Amino acid sequence: MADRAGRRVETAVRRGVVEVSEVTRTGVVVRTARFMANRVLALVEHPVPRVDGSERLLGEDPGVQGSALHPRV
């Protein structure tokens, strides 16, 4: 979610607390969550699946029906 909105996720460990913040491109913190460090196993951000199919293959030209790198069959 954060990456699609042009945001990034920053993590910090301070005094036994893991702090996760969602930050905009300009550096403004949108939201923050804090967890006890001894209770955290992993922090995983799962991508949100696209439903509109707007993702293109690498090297694909949006103005061309099929690109040289990835011809459509």
PDB file of N, CA and C in Angstrom:
ATOM      1  N   MET A   1       0.824  -1.189   0.000  1.00  0.00           N
ATOM      2  CA  MET A   1       0.000   0.000   0.000  1.00  0.00           C
ATOM      3  C   MET A   1       0.869   1.254   0.000  1.00  0.00           C
ATOM      4  N   ALA A   2       1.869   1.266   0.851  1.00  0.00           N
ATOM      5  CA  ALA A   2       2.692   2.465   0.981  1.00  0.00           C
ATOM      6  C   ALA A   2       3.404   2.799  -0.321  1.00  0.00           C
ATOM      7  N   ASP A   3       3.964   1.792  -0.987  1.00  0.00           N
ATOM      8  CA  ASP A   3       4.728   2.035  -2.201  1.00  0.00           C
ATOM      9  C   ASP A   3       3.848   2.559  -3.330  1.00  0.00           C
ATOM     10  N   ARG A   4       2.637   2.090  -3.435  1.00  0.00           N
ATOM     11  CA  ARG A   4       1.737   2.532  -4.501  1.00  0.00           C
ATOM     12  C   ARG A   4       1.328   3.991  -4.314  1.00  0.00           C
ATOM     13  N   ALA A   5       1.312   4.464  -3.100  1.00  0.00           N
ATOM     14  CA  ALA A   5       0.941   5.848  -2.831  1.00  0.00           C
ATOM     15  C   ALA A   5       2.168   6.757  -2.850  1.00  0.00           C
ATOM     16  N   GLY A   6       3.318   6.231  -3.279  1.00  0.00           N
ATOM     17  CA  GLY A   6       4.534   7.020  -3.311  1.00  0.00           C
ATOM     18  C   GLY A   6       5.136   7.212  -1.942  1.00  0.00           C
ATOM     19  N   ARG A   7       4.900   6.280  -1.063  1.00  0.00           N
ATOM     20  CA  ARG A   7       5.411   6.374   0.305  1.00  0.00           C
ATOM     21  C   ARG A   7       6.421   5.277   0.556  1.00  0.00           C
ATOM     22  N   ARG A   8       7.143   5.409   1.647  1.00  0.00           N
ATOM     23  CA  ARG A   8       8.103   4.379   2.035  1.00  0.00           C
ATOM     24  C   ARG A   8       7.875   4.016   3.492  1.00  0.00           C
ATOM     25  N   VAL A   9       8.372   2.857   3.877  1.00  0.00           N
ATOM     26  CA  VAL A   9       8.239   2.388   5.248  1.00  0.00           C
ATOM     27  C   VAL A   9       9.618   2.417   5.883  1.00  0.00           C
ATOM     28  N   GLU A  10       9.741   3.110   6.997  1.00  0.00           N
ATOM     29  CA  GLU A  10      11.007   3.186   7.725  1.00  0.00           C
ATOM     30  C   GLU A  10      10.864   2.457   9.051  1.00  0.00           C
ATOM     31  N   THR A  11      11.922   1.744   9.446  1.00  0.00           N
ATOM     32  CA  THR A  11      11.910   1.041  10.732  1.00  0.00           C
ATOM     33  C   THR A  11      13.076   1.516  11.576  1.00  0.00           C
ATOM     34  N   ALA A  12      12.884   1.499  12.883  1.00  0.00           N
ATOM     35  CA  ALA A  12      13.933   1.875  13.830  1.00  0.00           C
ATOM     36  C   ALA A  12      13.744   1.053  15.097  1.00  0.00           C
ATOM     37  N   VAL A  13      14.867   0.671  15.713  1.00  0.00           N
ATOM     38  CA  VAL A  13      14.819  -0.043  16.989  1.00  0.00           C
ATOM     39  C   VAL A  13      15.440   0.868  18.033  1.00  0.00           C
ATOM     40  N   ARG A  14      14.641   1.243  19.018  1.00  0.00           N
ATOM     41  CA  ARG A  14      15.106   2.152  20.074  1.00  0.00           C
ATOM     42  C   ARG A  14      14.635   1.642  21.425  1.00  0.00           C
ATOM     43  N   ARG A  15      15.544   1.471  22.344  1.00  0.00           N
ATOM     44  CA  ARG A  15      15.236   1.092  23.729  1.00  0.00           C
ATOM     45  C   ARG A  15      14.258  -0.078  23.830  1.00  0.00           C
ATOM     46  N   GLY A  16      14.501  -1.119  23.032  1.00  0.00           N
ATOM     47  CA  GLY A  16      13.666  -2.305  23.108  1.00  0.00           C
ATOM     48  C   GLY A  16      12.325  -2.199  22.415  1.00  0.00           C
ATOM     49  N   VAL A  17      12.153  -1.173  21.590  1.00  0.00           N
ATOM     50  CA  VAL A  17      10.895  -0.974  20.869  1.00  0.00           C
ATOM     51  C   VAL A  17      11.191  -0.857  19.376  1.00  0.00           C
ATOM     52  N   VAL A  18      10.456  -1.613  18.563  1.00  0.00           N
ATOM     53  CA  VAL A  18      10.558  -1.497  17.108  1.00  0.00           C
ATOM     54  C   VAL A  18       9.494  -0.504  16.668  1.00  0.00           C
ATOM     55  N   GLU A  19       9.928   0.532  15.953  1.00  0.00           N
ATOM     56  CA  GLU A  19       9.014   1.571  15.484  1.00  0.00           C
ATOM     57  C   GLU A  19       8.960   1.516  13.965  1.00  0.00           C
ATOM     58  N   VAL A  20       7.762   1.391  13.411  1.00  0.00           N
ATOM     59  CA  VAL A  20       7.558   1.331  11.964  1.00  0.00           C
ATOM     60  C   VAL A  20       6.746   2.553  11.564  1.00  0.00           C
ATOM     61  N   SER A  21       7.287   3.350  10.624  1.00  0.00           N
ATOM     62  CA  SER A  21       6.613   4.578  10.198  1.00  0.00           C
ATOM     63  C   SER A  21       6.402   4.568   8.693  1.00  0.00           C
ATOM     64  N   GLU A  22       5.236   5.029   8.259  1.00  0.00           N
ATOM     65  CA  GLU A  22       4.949   5.223   6.846  1.00  0.00           C
ATOM     66  C   GLU A  22       5.206   6.698   6.549  1.00  0.00           C
ATOM     67  N   VAL A  23       6.116   6.962   5.594  1.00  0.00           N
ATOM     68  CA  VAL A  23       6.584   8.320   5.329  1.00  0.00           C
ATOM     69  C   VAL A  23       6.297   8.687   3.874  1.00  0.00           C
ATOM     70  N   THR A  24       5.823   9.921   3.643  1.00  0.00           N
ATOM     71  CA  THR A  24       5.556  10.391   2.285  1.00  0.00           C
ATOM     72  C   THR A  24       6.860  10.747   1.594  1.00  0.00           C
ATOM     73  N   ARG A  25       6.760  11.087   0.315  1.00  0.00           N
ATOM     74  CA  ARG A  25       7.949  11.476  -0.462  1.00  0.00           C
ATOM     75  C   ARG A  25       8.629  12.712   0.113  1.00  0.00           C
ATOM     76  N   THR A  26       7.842  13.588   0.722  1.00  0.00           N
ATOM     77  CA  THR A  26       8.406  14.824   1.274  1.00  0.00           C
ATOM     78  C   THR A  26       8.928  14.659   2.694  1.00  0.00           C
ATOM     79  N   GLY A  27       8.783  13.454   3.272  1.00  0.00           N
ATOM     80  CA  GLY A  27       9.313  13.200   4.605  1.00  0.00           C
ATOM     81  C   GLY A  27       8.327  13.355   5.741  1.00  0.00           C
ATOM     82  N   VAL A  28       7.058  13.556   5.431  1.00  0.00           N
ATOM     83  CA  VAL A  28       6.030  13.699   6.457  1.00  0.00           C
ATOM     84  C   VAL A  28       5.576  12.306   6.903  1.00  0.00           C
ATOM     85  N   VAL A  29       5.588  12.067   8.218  1.00  0.00           N
ATOM     86  CA  VAL A  29       5.160  10.778   8.754  1.00  0.00           C
ATOM     87  C   VAL A  29       3.636  10.702   8.719  1.00  0.00           C
ATOM     88  N   VAL A  30       3.103   9.665   8.058  1.00  0.00           N
ATOM     89  CA  VAL A  30       1.656   9.490   7.933  1.00  0.00           C
ATOM     90  C   VAL A  30       1.114   8.743   9.139  1.00  0.00           C
ATOM     91  N   ARG A  31       1.762   7.633   9.487  1.00  0.00           N
ATOM     92  CA  ARG A  31       1.350   6.867  10.667  1.00  0.00           C
ATOM     93  C   ARG A  31       2.533   6.084  11.198  1.00  0.00           C
ATOM     94  N   THR A  32       2.463   5.751  12.474  1.00  0.00           N
ATOM     95  CA  THR A  32       3.540   5.048  13.162  1.00  0.00           C
ATOM     96  C   THR A  32       2.947   3.962  14.043  1.00  0.00           C
ATOM     97  N   ALA A  33       3.640   2.824  14.087  1.00  0.00           N
ATOM     98  CA  ALA A  33       3.241   1.728  14.976  1.00  0.00           C
ATOM     99  C   ALA A  33       4.465   1.317  15.779  1.00  0.00           C
ATOM    100  N   ARG A  34       4.252   0.959  17.041  1.00  0.00           N
ATOM    101  CA  ARG A  34       5.355   0.550  17.914  1.00  0.00           C
ATOM    102  C   ARG A  34       5.076  -0.836  18.467  1.00  0.00           C
ATOM    103  N   PHE A  35       6.131  -1.668  18.494  1.00  0.00           N
ATOM    104  CA  PHE A  35       6.022  -3.039  18.987  1.00  0.00           C
ATOM    105  C   PHE A  35       7.181  -3.315  19.927  1.00  0.00           C
ATOM    106  N   MET A  36       6.968  -4.171  20.913  1.00  0.00           N
ATOM    107  CA  MET A  36       8.060  -4.584  21.801  1.00  0.00           C
ATOM    108  C   MET A  36       9.028  -5.438  20.980  1.00  0.00           C
ATOM    109  N   ALA A  37      10.316  -5.088  21.010  1.00  0.00           N
ATOM    110  CA  ALA A  37      11.308  -5.753  20.167  1.00  0.00           C
ATOM    111  C   ALA A  37      11.423  -7.244  20.464  1.00  0.00           C
ATOM    112  N   ASN A  38      11.283  -7.649  21.726  1.00  0.00           N
ATOM    113  CA  ASN A  38      11.431  -9.068  22.040  1.00  0.00           C
ATOM    114  C   ASN A  38      10.232  -9.892  21.576  1.00  0.00           C
ATOM    115  N   ARG A  39       9.181  -9.252  21.074  1.00  0.00           N
ATOM    116  CA  ARG A  39       8.001  -9.957  20.557  1.00  0.00           C
ATOM    117  C   ARG A  39       7.953  -9.984  19.029  1.00  0.00           C
ATOM    118  N   VAL A  40       8.855  -9.273  18.365  1.00  0.00           N
ATOM    119  CA  VAL A  40       8.831  -9.169  16.907  1.00  0.00           C
ATOM    120  C   VAL A  40       9.705 -10.257  16.298  1.00  0.00           C
ATOM    121  N   LEU A  41       9.128 -11.061  15.419  1.00  0.00           N
ATOM    122  CA  LEU A  41       9.893 -12.059  14.671  1.00  0.00           C
ATOM    123  C   LEU A  41      10.313 -11.508  13.319  1.00  0.00           C
ATOM    124  N   ALA A  42       9.376 -10.886  12.609  1.00  0.00           N
ATOM    125  CA  ALA A  42       9.659 -10.343  11.281  1.00  0.00           C
ATOM    126  C   ALA A  42       8.616  -9.289  10.934  1.00  0.00           C
ATOM    127  N   LEU A  43       9.032  -8.331  10.125  1.00  0.00           N
ATOM    128  CA  LEU A  43       8.107  -7.340   9.576  1.00  0.00           C
ATOM    129  C   LEU A  43       8.061  -7.571   8.073  1.00  0.00           C
ATOM    130  N   VAL A  44       6.895  -7.881   7.547  1.00  0.00           N
ATOM    131  CA  VAL A  44       6.750  -8.195   6.131  1.00  0.00           C
ATOM    132  C   VAL A  44       5.650  -7.324   5.547  1.00  0.00           C
ATOM    133  N   GLU A  45       5.973  -6.637   4.447  1.00  0.00           N
ATOM    134  CA  GLU A  45       4.960  -5.846   3.752  1.00  0.00           C
ATOM    135  C   GLU A  45       4.575  -6.601   2.490  1.00  0.00           C
ATOM    136  N   HIS A  46       3.341  -7.035   2.405  1.00  0.00           N
ATOM    137  CA  HIS A  46       2.861  -7.777   1.247  1.00  0.00           C
ATOM    138  C   HIS A  46       2.318  -6.808   0.211  1.00  0.00           C
ATOM    139  N   PRO A  47       2.659  -7.015  -1.075  1.00  0.00           N
ATOM    140  CA  PRO A  47       2.127  -6.131  -2.112  1.00  0.00           C
ATOM    141  C   PRO A  47       0.634  -6.345  -2.312  1.00  0.00           C
ATOM    142  N   VAL A  48      -0.042  -5.268  -2.630  1.00  0.00           N
ATOM    143  CA  VAL A  48      -1.473  -5.336  -2.907  1.00  0.00           C
ATOM    144  C   VAL A  48      -1.636  -5.731  -4.370  1.00  0.00           C
ATOM    145  N   PRO A  49      -2.404  -6.779  -4.673  1.00  0.00           N
ATOM    146  CA  PRO A  49      -2.555  -7.186  -6.080  1.00  0.00           C
ATOM    147  C   PRO A  49      -3.320  -6.142  -6.877  1.00  0.00           C
ATOM    148  N   ARG A  50      -2.858  -5.901  -8.102  1.00  0.00           N
ATOM    149  CA  ARG A  50      -3.544  -4.954  -8.985  1.00  0.00           C
ATOM    150  C   ARG A  50      -4.711  -5.660  -9.657  1.00  0.00           C
ATOM    151  N   VAL A  51      -5.815  -4.956  -9.772  1.00  0.00           N
ATOM    152  CA  VAL A  51      -6.984  -5.528 -10.428  1.00  0.00           C
ATOM    153  C   VAL A  51      -7.218  -4.918 -11.806  1.00  0.00           C
ATOM    154  N   ASP A  52      -6.566  -3.783 -12.102  1.00  0.00           N
ATOM    155  CA  ASP A  52      -6.792  -3.121 -13.383  1.00  0.00           C
ATOM    156  C   ASP A  52      -5.841  -3.586 -14.473  1.00  0.00           C
ATOM    157  N   GLY A  53      -4.819  -4.364 -14.136  1.00  0.00           N
ATOM    158  CA  GLY A  53      -3.878  -4.874 -15.130  1.00  0.00           C
ATOM    159  C   GLY A  53      -3.020  -3.797 -15.748  1.00  0.00           C
ATOM    160  N   SER A  54      -2.771  -2.708 -15.036  1.00  0.00           N
ATOM    161  CA  SER A  54      -2.009  -1.599 -15.595  1.00  0.00           C
ATOM    162  C   SER A  54      -0.502  -1.811 -15.532  1.00  0.00           C
ATOM    163  N   GLU A  55      -0.038  -2.870 -14.874  1.00  0.00           N
ATOM    164  CA  GLU A  55       1.400  -3.125 -14.836  1.00  0.00           C
ATOM    165  C   GLU A  55       1.857  -3.637 -16.186  1.00  0.00           C
ATOM    166  N   ARG A  56       2.995  -3.118 -16.654  1.00  0.00           N
ATOM    167  CA  ARG A  56       3.554  -3.553 -17.927  1.00  0.00           C
ATOM    168  C   ARG A  56       4.841  -4.315 -17.671  1.00  0.00           C
ATOM    169  N   LEU A  57       5.193  -5.179 -18.605  1.00  0.00           N
ATOM    170  CA  LEU A  57       6.452  -5.891 -18.520  1.00  0.00           C
ATOM    171  C   LEU A  57       7.594  -4.913 -18.732  1.00  0.00           C
ATOM    172  N   LEU A  58       8.748  -5.212 -18.151  1.00  0.00           N
ATOM    173  CA  LEU A  58       9.925  -4.368 -18.301  1.00  0.00           C
ATOM    174  C   LEU A  58      10.313  -4.301 -19.772  1.00  0.00           C
ATOM    175  N   GLY A  59      10.494  -3.119 -20.298  1.00  0.00           N
ATOM    176  CA  GLY A  59      10.872  -2.946 -21.688  1.00  0.00           C
ATOM    177  C   GLY A  59       9.690  -2.842 -22.631  1.00  0.00           C
ATOM    178  N   GLU A  60       8.494  -2.946 -22.135  1.00  0.00           N
ATOM    179  CA  GLU A  60       7.307  -2.874 -22.980  1.00  0.00           C
ATOM    180  C   GLU A  60       6.938  -1.414 -23.218  1.00  0.00           C
ATOM    181  N   ASP A  61       6.731  -1.061 -24.458  1.00  0.00           N
ATOM    182  CA  ASP A  61       6.366   0.301 -24.828  1.00  0.00           C
ATOM    183  C   ASP A  61       4.845   0.423 -24.816  1.00  0.00           C
ATOM    184  N   PRO A  62       4.288   1.354 -24.023  1.00  0.00           N
ATOM    185  CA  PRO A  62       2.832   1.456 -23.932  1.00  0.00           C
ATOM    186  C   PRO A  62       2.171   1.879 -25.238  1.00  0.00           C
ATOM    187  N   GLY A  63       2.925   2.520 -26.154  1.00  0.00           N
ATOM    188  CA  GLY A  63       2.338   2.970 -27.409  1.00  0.00           C
ATOM    189  C   GLY A  63       2.348   1.921 -28.501  1.00  0.00           C
ATOM    190  N   VAL A  64       3.009   0.797 -28.268  1.00  0.00           N
ATOM    191  CA  VAL A  64       3.149  -0.244 -29.277  1.00  0.00           C
ATOM    192  C   VAL A  64       2.379  -1.474 -28.820  1.00  0.00           C
ATOM    193  N   GLN A  65       1.684  -2.124 -29.755  1.00  0.00           N
ATOM    194  CA  GLN A  65       0.878  -3.296 -29.407  1.00  0.00           C
ATOM    195  C   GLN A  65       1.728  -4.404 -28.806  1.00  0.00           C
ATOM    196  N   GLY A  66       2.865  -4.730 -29.387  1.00  0.00           N
ATOM    197  CA  GLY A  66       3.788  -5.733 -28.844  1.00  0.00           C
ATOM    198  C   GLY A  66       5.188  -5.169 -28.927  1.00  0.00           C
ATOM    199  N   SER A  67       6.003  -5.337 -27.932  1.00  0.00           N
ATOM    200  CA  SER A  67       7.349  -4.777 -27.982  1.00  0.00           C
ATOM    201  C   SER A  67       8.309  -5.823 -28.513  1.00  0.00           C
ATOM    202  N   ALA A  68       9.502  -5.403 -28.901  1.00  0.00           N
ATOM    203  CA  ALA A  68      10.512  -6.316 -29.420  1.00  0.00           C
ATOM    204  C   ALA A  68      11.002  -7.265 -28.335  1.00  0.00           C
ATOM    205  N   LEU A  69      11.038  -6.802 -27.093  1.00  0.00           N
ATOM    206  CA  LEU A  69      11.532  -7.645 -26.008  1.00  0.00           C
ATOM    207  C   LEU A  69      10.512  -8.684 -25.585  1.00  0.00           C
ATOM    208  N   HIS A  70       9.247  -8.334 -25.623  1.00  0.00           N
ATOM    209  CA  HIS A  70       8.188  -9.234 -25.164  1.00  0.00           C
ATOM    210  C   HIS A  70       7.051  -9.252 -26.185  1.00  0.00           C
ATOM    211  N   PRO A  71       7.266  -9.935 -27.320  1.00  0.00           N
ATOM    212  CA  PRO A  71       6.180  -9.962 -28.309  1.00  0.00           C
ATOM    213  C   PRO A  71       4.978 -10.728 -27.778  1.00  0.00           C
ATOM    214  N   ARG A  72       3.807 -10.263 -28.134  1.00  0.00           N
ATOM    215  CA  ARG A  72       2.579 -10.937 -27.694  1.00  0.00           C
ATOM    216  C   ARG A  72       2.213 -12.011 -28.698  1.00  0.00           C
ATOM    217  N   VAL A  73       1.879 -13.143 -28.180  1.00  0.00           N
ATOM    218  CA  VAL A  73       1.559 -14.281 -29.055  1.00  0.00           C
ATOM    219  C   VAL A  73       0.069 -14.461 -29.135  1.00  0.00           C
TER     220      VAL A  73
END
